[in-house]
Amino acid sequence: MIGEALVSKPDAQLTPLQERFVAEYLVDLNGRQAAIRAGYSARCAADLAYRNLHRPAIAAAVDRGLRQAFNTTRARVVEELAAIAFADAADFFAWGPDGVSVKASAGLDSRLTRAVAEVSETRTSGGGAIRVKLADKLAALEKLGRALGMFREQPANETPEAEPPSADRREVAKAVLAILAAAEAEPPDDQDT
């Protein structure tokens, strides 16, 4: 298995289960599935994967594995996803009442060209067309958010629990209730008299 061969123990800080998690994570970069395949409970696999990936020793082992397998790092993957996720059509095209034009590739820096998935040109006797397809922005945003820990994977059989209100939220709620109570107690303004 690709992941197993890449996990080395120079710092010996990982337990055997954590080593297995890293090996499984390197297979498809899916934390929840890696946790399940490594032997963690499916019920709490998403939470454990999130916590594992934020532990310095495990993050370092993942980075070593990525560097050995693909000559890349998590930072490089995040950078590529960000280039796609934040690509702006105005960097590639100009449009207006006179039509649409594609900007020359020579005028684009490498960060912009990373977001281009396909370029093709069709020529006919009556004219032609240029097609520029950008990479999937929504998919890149989702993957970037997951890579940055912005989303928590929710198992299909688990319903999301309501988050208990924080002290700040409770204070805001009390203030809103006090304002509403005060508004009800005040006599209405008679502006017609």
Protein backbone atom coordinates (compact mmCIF):
# COMPACT_ATOMS: atom_id res chain seq x y z
CA MET A 1 0.00 0.00 0.00
CA ILE A 2 1.38 3.41 -0.96
CA GLY A 3 0.77 5.05 2.42
CA GLU A 4 2.40 2.34 4.53
CA ALA A 5 5.67 2.52 2.67
CA LEU A 6 5.84 6.28 3.12
CA VAL A 7 5.33 6.55 6.87
CA SER A 8 8.66 6.62 8.58
CA LYS A 9 9.29 6.88 12.31
CA PRO A 10 12.27 9.18 12.72
CA ASP A 11 10.75 10.88 15.76
CA ALA A 12 8.85 7.77 17.05
CA GLN A 13 6.06 9.97 18.37
CA LEU A 14 3.21 8.13 16.67
CA THR A 15 1.32 5.18 18.09
CA PRO A 16 0.76 2.20 15.77
CA LEU A 17 -2.86 3.33 15.27
CA GLN A 18 -1.71 6.85 14.36
CA GLU A 19 0.85 5.42 11.92
CA ARG A 20 -1.92 3.37 10.30
CA PHE A 21 -4.10 6.51 10.12
CA VAL A 22 -1.32 8.43 8.33
CA ALA A 23 -0.79 5.54 5.88
CA GLU A 24 -4.52 5.36 5.14
CA TYR A 25 -4.82 9.14 4.85
CA LEU A 26 -2.10 9.21 2.19
CA VAL A 27 -4.16 6.81 0.04
CA ASP A 28 -6.97 9.28 -0.75
CA LEU A 29 -6.56 12.28 1.61
CA ASN A 30 -9.97 11.55 3.13
CA GLY A 31 -9.62 11.89 6.89
CA ARG A 32 -12.87 10.21 7.93
CA GLN A 33 -12.37 7.20 5.68
CA ALA A 34 -8.71 6.95 6.70
CA ALA A 35 -9.74 6.86 10.36
CA ILE A 36 -12.26 4.09 9.70
CA ARG A 37 -9.77 2.03 7.66
CA ALA A 38 -7.14 2.53 10.36
CA GLY A 39 -9.46 1.01 12.95
CA TYR A 40 -11.12 3.97 14.63
CA SER A 41 -14.85 3.80 15.32
CA ALA A 42 -16.96 4.94 12.36
CA ARG A 43 -19.19 6.88 14.76
CA CYS A 44 -16.44 9.29 15.79
CA ALA A 45 -14.10 8.92 12.81
CA ALA A 46 -14.64 12.45 11.47
CA ASP A 47 -13.82 14.06 14.81
CA LEU A 48 -10.79 11.83 15.36
CA ALA A 49 -9.53 12.53 11.84
CA TYR A 50 -9.85 16.27 12.42
CA ARG A 51 -7.98 16.03 15.73
CA ASN A 52 -5.32 13.71 14.30
CA LEU A 53 -4.62 15.98 11.33
CA HIS A 54 -4.09 18.90 13.72
CA ARG A 55 -1.57 17.05 15.90
CA PRO A 56 1.93 18.27 15.01
CA ALA A 57 3.52 14.81 14.86
CA ILE A 58 0.78 13.44 12.60
CA ALA A 59 0.77 16.55 10.39
CA ALA A 60 4.54 16.21 10.02
CA ALA A 61 4.20 12.52 9.08
CA VAL A 62 1.54 13.40 6.48
CA ASP A 63 3.80 16.11 5.07
CA ARG A 64 6.72 13.65 4.87
CA GLY A 65 4.52 11.13 3.10
CA LEU A 66 3.23 13.68 0.60
CA ARG A 67 6.73 14.96 -0.07
CA GLN A 68 8.04 11.41 -0.67
CA ALA A 69 5.10 10.28 -2.80
CA PHE A 70 4.35 13.36 -4.84
CA ASN A 71 7.18 15.79 -4.19
CA THR A 72 4.62 18.12 -2.61
CA THR A 73 3.40 19.33 0.76
CA ARG A 74 0.04 20.20 2.27
CA ALA A 75 0.97 23.87 1.88
CA ARG A 76 1.47 23.37 -1.86
CA VAL A 77 -1.87 21.56 -2.18
CA VAL A 78 -3.60 24.39 -0.32
CA GLU A 79 -1.88 26.93 -2.56
CA GLU A 80 -3.10 25.14 -5.71
CA LEU A 81 -6.63 24.87 -4.36
CA ALA A 82 -6.59 28.56 -3.47
CA ALA A 83 -5.49 29.48 -7.01
CA ILE A 84 -8.52 27.65 -8.39
CA ALA A 85 -10.94 28.69 -5.66
CA PHE A 86 -10.20 32.39 -5.94
CA ALA A 87 -9.76 32.63 -9.71
CA ASP A 88 -11.60 35.62 -11.12
CA ALA A 89 -13.13 35.41 -14.60
CA ALA A 90 -12.12 39.04 -15.20
CA ASP A 91 -8.48 37.91 -15.12
CA PHE A 92 -9.12 35.70 -18.17
CA PHE A 93 -11.86 37.42 -20.16
CA ALA A 94 -13.09 40.88 -21.05
CA TRP A 95 -16.71 41.38 -21.96
CA GLY A 96 -19.03 44.19 -22.79
CA PRO A 97 -21.47 45.45 -25.43
CA ASP A 98 -18.98 44.64 -28.20
CA GLY A 99 -18.64 40.98 -27.20
CA VAL A 100 -16.28 38.75 -25.28
CA SER A 101 -12.53 38.48 -25.69
CA VAL A 102 -10.05 36.06 -24.15
CA LYS A 103 -6.91 37.56 -22.68
CA ALA A 104 -3.58 36.31 -24.02
CA SER A 105 -1.93 33.59 -21.94
CA ALA A 106 1.37 35.48 -22.07
CA GLY A 107 -0.24 38.19 -19.95
CA LEU A 108 -1.29 35.79 -17.18
CA ASP A 109 0.96 34.89 -14.28
CA SER A 110 1.42 31.26 -13.25
CA ARG A 111 -0.97 31.59 -10.30
CA LEU A 112 -3.76 32.41 -12.74
CA THR A 113 -2.93 29.74 -15.31
CA ARG A 114 -3.19 27.07 -12.60
CA ALA A 115 -6.95 27.63 -12.61
CA VAL A 116 -7.27 26.79 -16.33
CA ALA A 117 -8.46 23.23 -16.90
CA GLU A 118 -8.76 23.25 -20.69
CA VAL A 119 -8.18 25.49 -23.72
CA SER A 120 -9.39 24.60 -27.19
CA GLU A 121 -9.97 26.35 -30.48
CA THR A 122 -12.35 25.41 -33.26
CA ARG A 123 -11.91 26.88 -36.72
CA THR A 124 -14.47 26.72 -39.48
CA SER A 125 -14.84 28.46 -42.83
CA GLY A 126 -17.41 30.78 -41.22
CA GLY A 127 -15.20 31.73 -38.25
CA GLY A 128 -14.24 29.95 -35.12
CA ALA A 129 -14.50 29.72 -31.39
CA ILE A 130 -12.12 29.63 -28.48
CA ARG A 131 -13.09 27.69 -25.39
CA VAL A 132 -11.41 28.27 -22.06
CA LYS A 133 -12.61 26.06 -19.23
CA LEU A 134 -11.63 26.96 -15.70
CA ALA A 135 -11.28 24.31 -13.01
CA ASP A 136 -14.30 23.71 -10.76
CA LYS A 137 -14.33 26.68 -8.38
CA LEU A 138 -16.97 25.28 -5.99
CA ALA A 139 -15.15 21.96 -5.65
CA ALA A 140 -11.89 23.79 -4.97
CA LEU A 141 -13.56 26.00 -2.34
CA GLU A 142 -15.01 22.94 -0.62
CA LYS A 143 -11.69 21.07 -0.68
CA LEU A 144 -9.83 24.15 0.50
CA GLY A 145 -12.29 24.60 3.36
CA ARG A 146 -11.86 20.97 4.37
CA ALA A 147 -8.07 21.20 4.13
CA LEU A 148 -8.14 24.23 6.40
CA GLY A 149 -10.49 22.51 8.87
CA MET A 150 -13.36 24.88 8.21
CA PHE A 151 -15.93 22.11 7.80
CA ARG A 152 -16.59 19.13 10.02
CA GLU A 153 -17.53 15.97 8.16
CA GLN A 154 -20.91 14.70 9.33
CA PRO A 155 -21.52 10.94 9.07
CA ALA A 156 -24.68 10.18 7.07
CA ASN A 157 -26.36 8.41 10.00
CA GLU A 158 -25.66 11.21 12.47
CA THR A 159 -27.88 14.24 12.84
CA PRO A 160 -26.21 17.54 13.65
CA GLU A 161 -26.63 18.58 17.23
CA ALA A 162 -27.60 22.11 18.11
CA GLU A 163 -24.66 24.02 19.43
CA PRO A 164 -25.31 25.27 22.97
CA PRO A 165 -25.50 29.04 23.04
CA SER A 166 -22.29 30.67 24.14
CA ALA A 167 -22.20 33.22 26.94
CA ASP A 168 -22.00 35.98 24.33
CA ARG A 169 -25.10 34.68 22.54
CA ARG A 170 -26.98 34.40 25.83
CA GLU A 171 -26.12 38.00 26.68
CA VAL A 172 -27.31 39.18 23.26
CA ALA A 173 -30.53 37.19 23.67
CA LYS A 174 -31.14 38.75 27.10
CA ALA A 175 -30.52 42.23 25.70
CA VAL A 176 -32.95 41.62 22.83
CA LEU A 177 -35.62 40.37 25.26
CA ALA A 178 -35.11 43.41 27.47
CA ILE A 179 -35.52 45.76 24.49
CA LEU A 180 -38.69 43.95 23.41
CA ALA A 181 -40.12 44.06 26.94
CA ALA A 182 -39.37 47.79 27.20
CA ALA A 183 -40.98 48.43 23.82
CA GLU A 184 -44.16 46.63 24.89
CA ALA A 185 -44.32 48.59 28.16
CA GLU A 186 -44.09 52.00 26.48
CA PRO A 187 -47.39 53.64 25.47
CA PRO A 188 -47.76 54.07 21.70
CA ASP A 189 -46.92 57.45 20.22
CA ASP A 190 -50.01 59.31 19.08
CA GLN A 191 -48.69 61.35 16.24
CA ASP A 192 -52.17 62.11 14.80
CA THR A 193 -53.26 64.27 17.78
